[in-house]
């Protein structure tokens, strides 16, 4: 009777058809979860724009402009929450994500990503309110949507030029 109540479970071979089917099912689950995260990120961004930026972004950025991205995981733990971006033109982007903490719950984070006048980097500016957005855009207008570069304290995360190699030319296959 014990055999009927507790059937013996034998693992399947890693190269068996069942193992392959299990891999397919796991991939499908991951893909569906990622698509849900993308959709939720887009929806969250659109809701924020229509709720908090009624007279600016809601008038200019179409709800279909947002592209969602799944959360970034490291060792099966979320490192970054799912997010959505919208291209504004001229090299400027909006990035939306949620900051989640035990103390505060979830809060929206909207960032304007602006190309630098040095043409080698971008500056990210957190946009807290519609008034802040309007102020930022007014500051960017004279530079056609570019952030002013400051060599003394660069905040554009610019890509530095590769220093010139000293000595004579090397063979591409040489490593020494």
Foldseek 3Di string as FASTA:
>chain_A
DVCVVDPDDDDDDCPDPVVVVVVVVVVVVVVVVFVVQFVVQLVVVLVCCVPFVVPPCVVQFDSVQKTKGQFDDDPNHGPFHIKIKGDRDPPKMKIWDWDADPVPGTDIWIWIWFAAPVNFFIAIDTDDGNVSVVVVCVVCVVVPRHHYADPVDGRRPGDDDDDDDPDDDDDPPDDD
